[in-house]
Amino acid sequence: MNCPKCGSKLKETNVKVEGAMKKVTSFQCPKCDYFSFEEKSAKEVIEELKSPLTIKQKIIKLSQNRLGLYFNKDVIRSLNLKAGEEIYLAIPDKKHILLKISE
């Protein structure tokens, strides 16, 4: 594949995108500033970035018949959670719990 600007042969490179595990294939010109992204890998990374944050957590035993869990520090920071803040729980089915932060 040749550069549409200067005609040089494009170099294929895998590019790390911040926040994504997958890499995007990029075609870059070594002589000018032209670059483009391969469509399939770019779409995969966009879909990965759009997916919700998923963190594996363990349920802990608090006392008697009570269970709990700790929030990861990144979740706390991104949602700006504070100790003592109220949240609302919704249980739409047996496999999901929704949390809503009070305003």
PDB file of N, CA and C in Angstrom:
ATOM      1  N   MET A   1       0.861  -1.169   0.000  1.00  0.00           N
ATOM      2  CA  MET A   1       0.000   0.000   0.000  1.00  0.00           C
ATOM      3  C   MET A   1       0.909   1.235   0.000  1.00  0.00           C
ATOM      4  N   ASN A   2       0.604   2.189  -0.851  1.00  0.00           N
ATOM      5  CA  ASN A   2       1.413   3.402  -0.973  1.00  0.00           C
ATOM      6  C   ASN A   2       0.691   4.621  -0.398  1.00  0.00           C
ATOM      7  N   CYS A   3       1.481   5.585   0.048  1.00  0.00           N
ATOM      8  CA  CYS A   3       0.958   6.827   0.617  1.00  0.00           C
ATOM      9  C   CYS A   3       0.251   7.637  -0.461  1.00  0.00           C
ATOM     10  N   PRO A   4      -0.977   8.092  -0.191  1.00  0.00           N
ATOM     11  CA  PRO A   4      -1.691   8.902  -1.179  1.00  0.00           C
ATOM     12  C   PRO A   4      -1.107  10.309  -1.328  1.00  0.00           C
ATOM     13  N   LYS A   5      -0.292  10.759  -0.351  1.00  0.00           N
ATOM     14  CA  LYS A   5       0.307  12.099  -0.420  1.00  0.00           C
ATOM     15  C   LYS A   5       1.611  12.113  -1.215  1.00  0.00           C
ATOM     16  N   CYS A   6       2.539  11.193  -0.849  1.00  0.00           N
ATOM     17  CA  CYS A   6       3.869  11.248  -1.462  1.00  0.00           C
ATOM     18  C   CYS A   6       4.240   9.999  -2.249  1.00  0.00           C
ATOM     19  N   GLY A   7       3.440   8.955  -2.187  1.00  0.00           N
ATOM     20  CA  GLY A   7       3.692   7.745  -2.956  1.00  0.00           C
ATOM     21  C   GLY A   7       4.634   6.744  -2.295  1.00  0.00           C
ATOM     22  N   SER A   8       5.163   7.048  -1.119  1.00  0.00           N
ATOM     23  CA  SER A   8       6.058   6.124  -0.413  1.00  0.00           C
ATOM     24  C   SER A   8       5.286   4.909   0.092  1.00  0.00           C
ATOM     25  N   LYS A   9       6.022   3.823   0.356  1.00  0.00           N
ATOM     26  CA  LYS A   9       5.389   2.615   0.884  1.00  0.00           C
ATOM     27  C   LYS A   9       5.019   2.851   2.345  1.00  0.00           C
ATOM     28  N   LEU A  10       3.754   2.565   2.695  1.00  0.00           N
ATOM     29  CA  LEU A  10       3.277   2.739   4.064  1.00  0.00           C
ATOM     30  C   LEU A  10       3.775   1.600   4.956  1.00  0.00           C
ATOM     31  N   LYS A  11       4.102   1.947   6.188  1.00  0.00           N
ATOM     32  CA  LYS A  11       4.557   0.975   7.181  1.00  0.00           C
ATOM     33  C   LYS A  11       3.366   0.592   8.061  1.00  0.00           C
ATOM     34  N   GLU A  12       3.142  -0.718   8.225  1.00  0.00           N
ATOM     35  CA  GLU A  12       2.049  -1.199   9.082  1.00  0.00           C
ATOM     36  C   GLU A  12       2.549  -1.274  10.524  1.00  0.00           C
ATOM     37  N   THR A  13       1.795  -0.655  11.445  1.00  0.00           N
ATOM     38  CA  THR A  13       2.177  -0.603  12.849  1.00  0.00           C
ATOM     39  C   THR A  13       0.955  -0.854  13.712  1.00  0.00           C
ATOM     40  N   ASN A  14       1.152  -1.565  14.822  1.00  0.00           N
ATOM     41  CA  ASN A  14       0.076  -1.744  15.796  1.00  0.00           C
ATOM     42  C   ASN A  14       0.198  -0.647  16.840  1.00  0.00           C
ATOM     43  N   VAL A  15      -0.895   0.078  17.059  1.00  0.00           N
ATOM     44  CA  VAL A  15      -0.898   1.250  17.930  1.00  0.00           C
ATOM     45  C   VAL A  15      -1.723   0.973  19.179  1.00  0.00           C
ATOM     46  N   LYS A  16      -1.145   1.283  20.340  1.00  0.00           N
ATOM     47  CA  LYS A  16      -1.847   1.154  21.621  1.00  0.00           C
ATOM     48  C   LYS A  16      -2.757   2.361  21.798  1.00  0.00           C
ATOM     49  N   VAL A  17      -4.011   2.117  22.130  1.00  0.00           N
ATOM     50  CA  VAL A  17      -4.981   3.179  22.395  1.00  0.00           C
ATOM     51  C   VAL A  17      -5.232   3.216  23.897  1.00  0.00           C
ATOM     52  N   GLU A  18      -5.115   4.383  24.490  1.00  0.00           N
ATOM     53  CA  GLU A  18      -5.292   4.541  25.933  1.00  0.00           C
ATOM     54  C   GLU A  18      -6.647   4.004  26.373  1.00  0.00           C
ATOM     55  N   GLY A  19      -6.643   3.090  27.356  1.00  0.00           N
ATOM     56  CA  GLY A  19      -7.876   2.539  27.894  1.00  0.00           C
ATOM     57  C   GLY A  19      -8.354   1.277  27.214  1.00  0.00           C
ATOM     58  N   ALA A  20      -7.691   0.853  26.132  1.00  0.00           N
ATOM     59  CA  ALA A  20      -8.112  -0.342  25.402  1.00  0.00           C
ATOM     60  C   ALA A  20      -7.050  -1.429  25.522  1.00  0.00           C
ATOM     61  N   MET A  21      -7.495  -2.674  25.587  1.00  0.00           N
ATOM     62  CA  MET A  21      -6.565  -3.806  25.630  1.00  0.00           C
ATOM     63  C   MET A  21      -6.072  -4.157  24.225  1.00  0.00           C
ATOM     64  N   LYS A  22      -6.976  -4.054  23.249  1.00  0.00           N
ATOM     65  CA  LYS A  22      -6.625  -4.370  21.864  1.00  0.00           C
ATOM     66  C   LYS A  22      -5.852  -3.209  21.255  1.00  0.00           C
ATOM     67  N   LYS A  23      -5.103  -3.512  20.198  1.00  0.00           N
ATOM     68  CA  LYS A  23      -4.363  -2.482  19.476  1.00  0.00           C
ATOM     69  C   LYS A  23      -5.018  -2.248  18.119  1.00  0.00           C
ATOM     70  N   VAL A  24      -4.803  -1.063  17.577  1.00  0.00           N
ATOM     71  CA  VAL A  24      -5.333  -0.700  16.267  1.00  0.00           C
ATOM     72  C   VAL A  24      -4.211  -0.798  15.248  1.00  0.00           C
ATOM     73  N   THR A  25      -4.503  -1.371  14.085  1.00  0.00           N
ATOM     74  CA  THR A  25      -3.521  -1.420  13.009  1.00  0.00           C
ATOM     75  C   THR A  25      -3.533  -0.080  12.294  1.00  0.00           C
ATOM     76  N   SER A  26      -2.345   0.520  12.189  1.00  0.00           N
ATOM     77  CA  SER A  26      -2.199   1.825  11.547  1.00  0.00           C
ATOM     78  C   SER A  26      -1.232   1.693  10.378  1.00  0.00           C
ATOM     79  N   PHE A  27      -1.503   2.429   9.322  1.00  0.00           N
ATOM     80  CA  PHE A  27      -0.600   2.502   8.176  1.00  0.00           C
ATOM     81  C   PHE A  27      -0.004   3.893   8.170  1.00  0.00           C
ATOM     82  N   GLN A  28       1.340   3.965   8.338  1.00  0.00           N
ATOM     83  CA  GLN A  28       2.008   5.251   8.499  1.00  0.00           C
ATOM     84  C   GLN A  28       3.073   5.440   7.425  1.00  0.00           C
ATOM     85  N   CYS A  29       3.172   6.668   6.941  1.00  0.00           N
ATOM     86  CA  CYS A  29       4.168   7.004   5.938  1.00  0.00           C
ATOM     87  C   CYS A  29       5.455   7.439   6.643  1.00  0.00           C
ATOM     88  N   PRO A  30       6.621   6.824   6.300  1.00  0.00           N
ATOM     89  CA  PRO A  30       7.875   7.213   6.941  1.00  0.00           C
ATOM     90  C   PRO A  30       8.427   8.554   6.435  1.00  0.00           C
ATOM     91  N   LYS A  31       7.888   9.067   5.326  1.00  0.00           N
ATOM     92  CA  LYS A  31       8.420  10.305   4.755  1.00  0.00           C
ATOM     93  C   LYS A  31       7.576  11.544   5.034  1.00  0.00           C
ATOM     94  N   CYS A  32       6.282  11.374   5.104  1.00  0.00           N
ATOM     95  CA  CYS A  32       5.418  12.529   5.393  1.00  0.00           C
ATOM     96  C   CYS A  32       4.567  12.223   6.619  1.00  0.00           C
ATOM     97  N   ASP A  33       3.638  13.074   6.965  1.00  0.00           N
ATOM     98  CA  ASP A  33       2.847  12.890   8.184  1.00  0.00           C
ATOM     99  C   ASP A  33       1.551  12.107   7.977  1.00  0.00           C
ATOM    100  N   TYR A  34       1.401  11.451   6.830  1.00  0.00           N
ATOM    101  CA  TYR A  34       0.161  10.726   6.538  1.00  0.00           C
ATOM    102  C   TYR A  34       0.067   9.454   7.385  1.00  0.00           C
ATOM    103  N   PHE A  35      -1.141   9.156   7.875  1.00  0.00           N
ATOM    104  CA  PHE A  35      -1.428   7.880   8.520  1.00  0.00           C
ATOM    105  C   PHE A  35      -2.904   7.575   8.355  1.00  0.00           C
ATOM    106  N   SER A  36      -3.242   6.304   8.451  1.00  0.00           N
ATOM    107  CA  SER A  36      -4.646   5.888   8.438  1.00  0.00           C
ATOM    108  C   SER A  36      -4.763   4.650   9.318  1.00  0.00           C
ATOM    109  N   PHE A  37      -5.998   4.339   9.718  1.00  0.00           N
ATOM    110  CA  PHE A  37      -6.248   3.182  10.563  1.00  0.00           C
ATOM    111  C   PHE A  37      -7.025   2.137   9.784  1.00  0.00           C
ATOM    112  N   GLU A  38      -6.698   0.882  10.037  1.00  0.00           N
ATOM    113  CA  GLU A  38      -7.419  -0.225   9.432  1.00  0.00           C
ATOM    114  C   GLU A  38      -8.805  -0.276  10.074  1.00  0.00           C
ATOM    115  N   GLU A  39      -9.829  -0.346   9.268  1.00  0.00           N
ATOM    116  CA  GLU A  39     -11.207  -0.176   9.727  1.00  0.00           C
ATOM    117  C   GLU A  39     -11.651  -1.233  10.738  1.00  0.00           C
ATOM    118  N   LYS A  40     -11.353  -2.511  10.497  1.00  0.00           N
ATOM    119  CA  LYS A  40     -11.840  -3.580  11.379  1.00  0.00           C
ATOM    120  C   LYS A  40     -11.261  -3.445  12.787  1.00  0.00           C
ATOM    121  N   SER A  41      -9.949  -3.265  12.921  1.00  0.00           N
ATOM    122  CA  SER A  41      -9.343  -3.156  14.252  1.00  0.00           C
ATOM    123  C   SER A  41      -9.762  -1.865  14.945  1.00  0.00           C
ATOM    124  N   ALA A  42      -9.962  -0.786  14.182  1.00  0.00           N
ATOM    125  CA  ALA A  42     -10.413   0.476  14.772  1.00  0.00           C
ATOM    126  C   ALA A  42     -11.821   0.317  15.357  1.00  0.00           C
ATOM    127  N   LYS A  43     -12.698  -0.369  14.650  1.00  0.00           N
ATOM    128  CA  LYS A  43     -14.059  -0.596  15.146  1.00  0.00           C
ATOM    129  C   LYS A  43     -14.047  -1.461  16.404  1.00  0.00           C
ATOM    130  N   GLU A  44     -13.168  -2.475  16.444  1.00  0.00           N
ATOM    131  CA  GLU A  44     -13.073  -3.335  17.625  1.00  0.00           C
ATOM    132  C   GLU A  44     -12.652  -2.537  18.858  1.00  0.00           C
ATOM    133  N   VAL A  45     -11.685  -1.651  18.699  1.00  0.00           N
ATOM    134  CA  VAL A  45     -11.213  -0.840  19.830  1.00  0.00           C
ATOM    135  C   VAL A  45     -12.293   0.142  20.266  1.00  0.00           C
ATOM    136  N   ILE A  46     -13.007   0.730  19.321  1.00  0.00           N
ATOM    137  CA  ILE A  46     -14.095   1.656  19.662  1.00  0.00           C
ATOM    138  C   ILE A  46     -15.172   0.928  20.457  1.00  0.00           C
ATOM    139  N   GLU A  47     -15.519  -0.282  20.039  1.00  0.00           N
ATOM    140  CA  GLU A  47     -16.523  -1.069  20.774  1.00  0.00           C
ATOM    141  C   GLU A  47     -16.023  -1.418  22.172  1.00  0.00           C
ATOM    142  N   GLU A  48     -14.737  -1.755  22.282  1.00  0.00           N
ATOM    143  CA  GLU A  48     -14.164  -2.067  23.592  1.00  0.00           C
ATOM    144  C   GLU A  48     -14.230  -0.851  24.514  1.00  0.00           C
ATOM    145  N   LEU A  49     -13.926   0.320  23.992  1.00  0.00           N
ATOM    146  CA  LEU A  49     -13.950   1.536  24.802  1.00  0.00           C
ATOM    147  C   LEU A  49     -15.368   1.948  25.191  1.00  0.00           C
ATOM    148  N   LYS A  50     -16.354   1.591  24.372  1.00  0.00           N
ATOM    149  CA  LYS A  50     -17.741   1.934  24.670  1.00  0.00           C
ATOM    150  C   LYS A  50     -18.373   0.994  25.687  1.00  0.00           C
ATOM    151  N   SER A  51     -17.774  -0.194  25.868  1.00  0.00           N
ATOM    152  CA  SER A  51     -18.370  -1.160  26.796  1.00  0.00           C
ATOM    153  C   SER A  51     -18.213  -0.675  28.232  1.00  0.00           C
ATOM    154  N   PRO A  52     -19.140  -1.055  29.103  1.00  0.00           N
ATOM    155  CA  PRO A  52     -19.066  -0.579  30.496  1.00  0.00           C
ATOM    156  C   PRO A  52     -17.875  -1.172  31.228  1.00  0.00           C
ATOM    157  N   LEU A  53     -17.408  -0.446  32.205  1.00  0.00           N
ATOM    158  CA  LEU A  53     -16.318  -0.909  33.051  1.00  0.00           C
ATOM    159  C   LEU A  53     -16.761  -2.153  33.803  1.00  0.00           C
ATOM    160  N   THR A  54     -15.953  -3.208  33.750  1.00  0.00           N
ATOM    161  CA  THR A  54     -16.267  -4.443  34.451  1.00  0.00           C
ATOM    162  C   THR A  54     -15.097  -4.788  35.367  1.00  0.00           C
ATOM    163  N   ILE A  55     -15.368  -4.934  36.643  1.00  0.00           N
ATOM    164  CA  ILE A  55     -14.346  -5.257  37.626  1.00  0.00           C
ATOM    165  C   ILE A  55     -14.815  -6.468  38.420  1.00  0.00           C
ATOM    166  N   LYS A  56     -13.947  -7.440  38.555  1.00  0.00           N
ATOM    167  CA  LYS A  56     -14.276  -8.632  39.338  1.00  0.00           C
ATOM    168  C   LYS A  56     -14.077  -8.311  40.818  1.00  0.00           C
ATOM    169  N   GLN A  57     -15.081  -8.584  41.627  1.00  0.00           N
ATOM    170  CA  GLN A  57     -15.037  -8.325  43.066  1.00  0.00           C
ATOM    171  C   GLN A  57     -15.474  -9.578  43.808  1.00  0.00           C
ATOM    172  N   LYS A  58     -15.017  -9.716  45.037  1.00  0.00           N
ATOM    173  CA  LYS A  58     -15.459 -10.826  45.889  1.00  0.00           C
ATOM    174  C   LYS A  58     -16.446 -10.298  46.917  1.00  0.00           C
ATOM    175  N   ILE A  59     -17.466 -11.099  47.189  1.00  0.00           N
ATOM    176  CA  ILE A  59     -18.423 -10.794  48.242  1.00  0.00           C
ATOM    177  C   ILE A  59     -17.772 -11.195  49.566  1.00  0.00           C
ATOM    178  N   ILE A  60     -17.867 -10.336  50.578  1.00  0.00           N
ATOM    179  CA  ILE A  60     -17.273 -10.634  51.882  1.00  0.00           C
ATOM    180  C   ILE A  60     -18.364 -10.807  52.930  1.00  0.00           C
ATOM    181  N   LYS A  61     -18.057 -11.584  53.955  1.00  0.00           N
ATOM    182  CA  LYS A  61     -18.988 -11.758  55.068  1.00  0.00           C
ATOM    183  C   LYS A  61     -18.706 -10.663  56.082  1.00  0.00           C
ATOM    184  N   LEU A  62     -19.746  -9.901  56.437  1.00  0.00           N
ATOM    185  CA  LEU A  62     -19.585  -8.811  57.395  1.00  0.00           C
ATOM    186  C   LEU A  62     -19.806  -9.309  58.813  1.00  0.00           C
ATOM    187  N   SER A  63     -21.011  -9.702  59.130  1.00  0.00           N
ATOM    188  CA  SER A  63     -21.335 -10.259  60.443  1.00  0.00           C
ATOM    189  C   SER A  63     -22.706 -10.913  60.345  1.00  0.00           C
ATOM    190  N   GLN A  64     -22.923 -11.923  61.152  1.00  0.00           N
ATOM    191  CA  GLN A  64     -24.167 -12.688  61.177  1.00  0.00           C
ATOM    192  C   GLN A  64     -24.608 -13.033  59.753  1.00  0.00           C
ATOM    193  N   ASN A  65     -25.763 -12.545  59.314  1.00  0.00           N
ATOM    194  CA  ASN A  65     -26.283 -12.880  57.982  1.00  0.00           C
ATOM    195  C   ASN A  65     -26.078 -11.768  56.973  1.00  0.00           C
ATOM    196  N   ARG A  66     -25.061 -10.927  57.170  1.00  0.00           N
ATOM    197  CA  ARG A  66     -24.854  -9.799  56.260  1.00  0.00           C
ATOM    198  C   ARG A  66     -23.627 -10.026  55.381  1.00  0.00           C
ATOM    199  N   LEU A  67     -23.753  -9.636  54.117  1.00  0.00           N
ATOM    200  CA  LEU A  67     -22.653  -9.699  53.157  1.00  0.00           C
ATOM    201  C   LEU A  67     -22.370  -8.295  52.647  1.00  0.00           C
ATOM    202  N   GLY A  68     -21.202  -8.100  52.081  1.00  0.00           N
ATOM    203  CA  GLY A  68     -20.858  -6.789  51.550  1.00  0.00           C
ATOM    204  C   GLY A  68     -19.775  -6.896  50.496  1.00  0.00           C
ATOM    205  N   LEU A  69     -19.369  -5.757  49.978  1.00  0.00           N
ATOM    206  CA  LEU A  69     -18.256  -5.703  49.038  1.00  0.00           C
ATOM    207  C   LEU A  69     -17.590  -4.340  49.143  1.00  0.00           C
ATOM    208  N   TYR A  70     -16.335  -4.296  48.758  1.00  0.00           N
ATOM    209  CA  TYR A  70     -15.591  -3.048  48.735  1.00  0.00           C
ATOM    210  C   TYR A  70     -15.609  -2.504  47.315  1.00  0.00           C
ATOM    211  N   PHE A  71     -15.682  -1.183  47.172  1.00  0.00           N
ATOM    212  CA  PHE A  71     -15.554  -0.565  45.860  1.00  0.00           C
ATOM    213  C   PHE A  71     -14.080  -0.338  45.559  1.00  0.00           C
ATOM    214  N   ASN A  72     -13.670  -0.666  44.372  1.00  0.00           N
ATOM    215  CA  ASN A  72     -12.317  -0.429  43.894  1.00  0.00           C
ATOM    216  C   ASN A  72     -12.022   1.069  43.934  1.00  0.00           C
ATOM    217  N   LYS A  73     -10.775   1.456  44.239  1.00  0.00           N
ATOM    218  CA  LYS A  73     -10.422   2.876  44.356  1.00  0.00           C
ATOM    219  C   LYS A  73     -10.685   3.650  43.064  1.00  0.00           C
ATOM    220  N   ASP A  74     -10.542   2.998  41.908  1.00  0.00           N
ATOM    221  CA  ASP A  74     -10.798   3.676  40.639  1.00  0.00           C
ATOM    222  C   ASP A  74     -12.288   3.977  40.463  1.00  0.00           C
ATOM    223  N   VAL A  75     -13.139   3.071  40.933  1.00  0.00           N
ATOM    224  CA  VAL A  75     -14.584   3.290  40.887  1.00  0.00           C
ATOM    225  C   VAL A  75     -14.951   4.456  41.808  1.00  0.00           C
ATOM    226  N   ILE A  76     -14.381   4.462  43.014  1.00  0.00           N
ATOM    227  CA  ILE A  76     -14.648   5.531  43.981  1.00  0.00           C
ATOM    228  C   ILE A  76     -14.252   6.885  43.404  1.00  0.00           C
ATOM    229  N   ARG A  77     -13.068   6.945  42.818  1.00  0.00           N
ATOM    230  CA  ARG A  77     -12.574   8.198  42.252  1.00  0.00           C
ATOM    231  C   ARG A  77     -13.404   8.649  41.046  1.00  0.00           C
ATOM    232  N   SER A  78     -13.713   7.721  40.140  1.00  0.00           N
ATOM    233  CA  SER A  78     -14.435   8.108  38.926  1.00  0.00           C
ATOM    234  C   SER A  78     -15.873   8.541  39.213  1.00  0.00           C
ATOM    235  N   LEU A  79     -16.491   7.969  40.260  1.00  0.00           N
ATOM    236  CA  LEU A  79     -17.863   8.338  40.617  1.00  0.00           C
ATOM    237  C   LEU A  79     -17.922   9.379  41.729  1.00  0.00           C
ATOM    238  N   ASN A  80     -16.753   9.751  42.254  1.00  0.00           N
ATOM    239  CA  ASN A  80     -16.645  10.740  43.325  1.00  0.00           C
ATOM    240  C   ASN A  80     -17.497  10.334  44.534  1.00  0.00           C
ATOM    241  N   LEU A  81     -17.368   9.062  44.944  1.00  0.00           N
ATOM    242  CA  LEU A  81     -18.139   8.538  46.080  1.00  0.00           C
ATOM    243  C   LEU A  81     -17.509   8.971  47.393  1.00  0.00           C
ATOM    244  N   LYS A  82     -18.359   9.172  48.385  1.00  0.00           N
ATOM    245  CA  LYS A  82     -17.919   9.563  49.725  1.00  0.00           C
ATOM    246  C   LYS A  82     -18.515   8.587  50.746  1.00  0.00           C
ATOM    247  N   ALA A  83     -17.797   8.354  51.836  1.00  0.00           N
ATOM    248  CA  ALA A  83     -18.302   7.499  52.904  1.00  0.00           C
ATOM    249  C   ALA A  83     -19.589   8.093  53.472  1.00  0.00           C
ATOM    250  N   GLY A  84     -20.578   7.263  53.711  1.00  0.00           N
ATOM    251  CA  GLY A  84     -21.848   7.711  54.265  1.00  0.00           C
ATOM    252  C   GLY A  84     -22.852   8.177  53.212  1.00  0.00           C
ATOM    253  N   GLU A  85     -22.421   8.277  51.971  1.00  0.00           N
ATOM    254  CA  GLU A  85     -23.322   8.700  50.891  1.00  0.00           C
ATOM    255  C   GLU A  85     -24.366   7.622  50.646  1.00  0.00           C
ATOM    256  N   GLU A  86     -25.595   8.031  50.356  1.00  0.00           N
ATOM    257  CA  GLU A  86     -26.666   7.074  50.108  1.00  0.00           C
ATOM    258  C   GLU A  86     -26.703   6.680  48.636  1.00  0.00           C
ATOM    259  N   ILE A  87     -26.991   5.396  48.404  1.00  0.00           N
ATOM    260  CA  ILE A  87     -27.195   4.896  47.054  1.00  0.00           C
ATOM    261  C   ILE A  87     -28.506   4.122  47.051  1.00  0.00           C
ATOM    262  N   TYR A  88     -29.079   3.943  45.872  1.00  0.00           N
ATOM    263  CA  TYR A  88     -30.309   3.175  45.719  1.00  0.00           C
ATOM    264  C   TYR A  88     -29.993   1.916  44.927  1.00  0.00           C
ATOM    265  N   LEU A  89     -30.531   0.788  45.375  1.00  0.00           N
ATOM    266  CA  LEU A  89     -30.349  -0.486  44.699  1.00  0.00           C
ATOM    267  C   LEU A  89     -31.627  -0.870  43.969  1.00  0.00           C
ATOM    268  N   ALA A  90     -31.478  -1.370  42.748  1.00  0.00           N
ATOM    269  CA  ALA A  90     -32.596  -1.931  41.998  1.00  0.00           C
ATOM    270  C   ALA A  90     -32.168  -3.326  41.548  1.00  0.00           C
ATOM    271  N   ILE A  91     -33.079  -4.276  41.638  1.00  0.00           N
ATOM    272  CA  ILE A  91     -32.775  -5.653  41.263  1.00  0.00           C
ATOM    273  C   ILE A  91     -33.745  -6.057  40.152  1.00  0.00           C
ATOM    274  N   PRO A  92     -33.342  -5.862  38.888  1.00  0.00           N
ATOM    275  CA  PRO A  92     -34.242  -6.164  37.771  1.00  0.00           C
ATOM    276  C   PRO A  92     -34.443  -7.655  37.525  1.00  0.00           C
ATOM    277  N   ASP A  93     -33.457  -8.482  37.884  1.00  0.00           N
ATOM    278  CA  ASP A  93     -33.574  -9.930  37.757  1.00  0.00           C
ATOM    279  C   ASP A  93     -32.526 -10.579  38.662  1.00  0.00           C
ATOM    280  N   LYS A  94     -32.429 -11.914  38.631  1.00  0.00           N
ATOM    281  CA  LYS A  94     -31.546 -12.623  39.558  1.00  0.00           C
ATOM    282  C   LYS A  94     -30.061 -12.518  39.207  1.00  0.00           C
ATOM    283  N   LYS A  95     -29.712 -11.895  38.103  1.00  0.00           N
ATOM    284  CA  LYS A  95     -28.308 -11.792  37.702  1.00  0.00           C
ATOM    285  C   LYS A  95     -27.790 -10.355  37.673  1.00  0.00           C
ATOM    286  N   HIS A  96     -28.608  -9.388  38.045  1.00  0.00           N
ATOM    287  CA  HIS A  96     -28.191  -7.990  37.947  1.00  0.00           C
ATOM    288  C   HIS A  96     -28.594  -7.181  39.173  1.00  0.00           C
ATOM    289  N   ILE A  97     -27.713  -6.280  39.557  1.00  0.00           N
ATOM    290  CA  ILE A  97     -28.004  -5.286  40.581  1.00  0.00           C
ATOM    291  C   ILE A  97     -27.619  -3.942  39.996  1.00  0.00           C
ATOM    292  N   LEU A  98     -28.524  -2.979  40.061  1.00  0.00           N
ATOM    293  CA  LEU A  98     -28.245  -1.633  39.579  1.00  0.00           C
ATOM    294  C   LEU A  98     -28.080  -0.711  40.774  1.00  0.00           C
ATOM    295  N   LEU A  99     -27.054   0.108  40.744  1.00  0.00           N
ATOM    296  CA  LEU A  99     -26.821   1.100  41.802  1.00  0.00           C
ATOM    297  C   LEU A  99     -27.072   2.475  41.231  1.00  0.00           C
ATOM    298  N   LYS A 100     -27.798   3.302  41.961  1.00  0.00           N
ATOM    299  CA  LYS A 100     -28.010   4.685  41.555  1.00  0.00           C
ATOM    300  C   LYS A 100     -27.507   5.573  42.699  1.00  0.00           C
ATOM    301  N   ILE A 101     -26.657   6.496  42.361  1.00  0.00           N
ATOM    302  CA  ILE A 101     -26.092   7.403  43.363  1.00  0.00           C
ATOM    303  C   ILE A 101     -27.107   8.518  43.605  1.00  0.00           C
ATOM    304  N   SER A 102     -27.391   8.785  44.880  1.00  0.00           N
ATOM    305  CA  SER A 102     -28.353   9.851  45.199  1.00  0.00           C
ATOM    306  C   SER A 102     -27.771  11.194  44.789  1.00  0.00           C
ATOM    307  N   GLU A 103     -28.640  12.086  44.377  1.00  0.00           N
ATOM    308  CA  GLU A 103     -28.195  13.398  43.876  1.00  0.00           C
ATOM    309  C   GLU A 103     -28.182  14.442  44.935  1.00  0.00           C
TER     310      GLU A 103
END
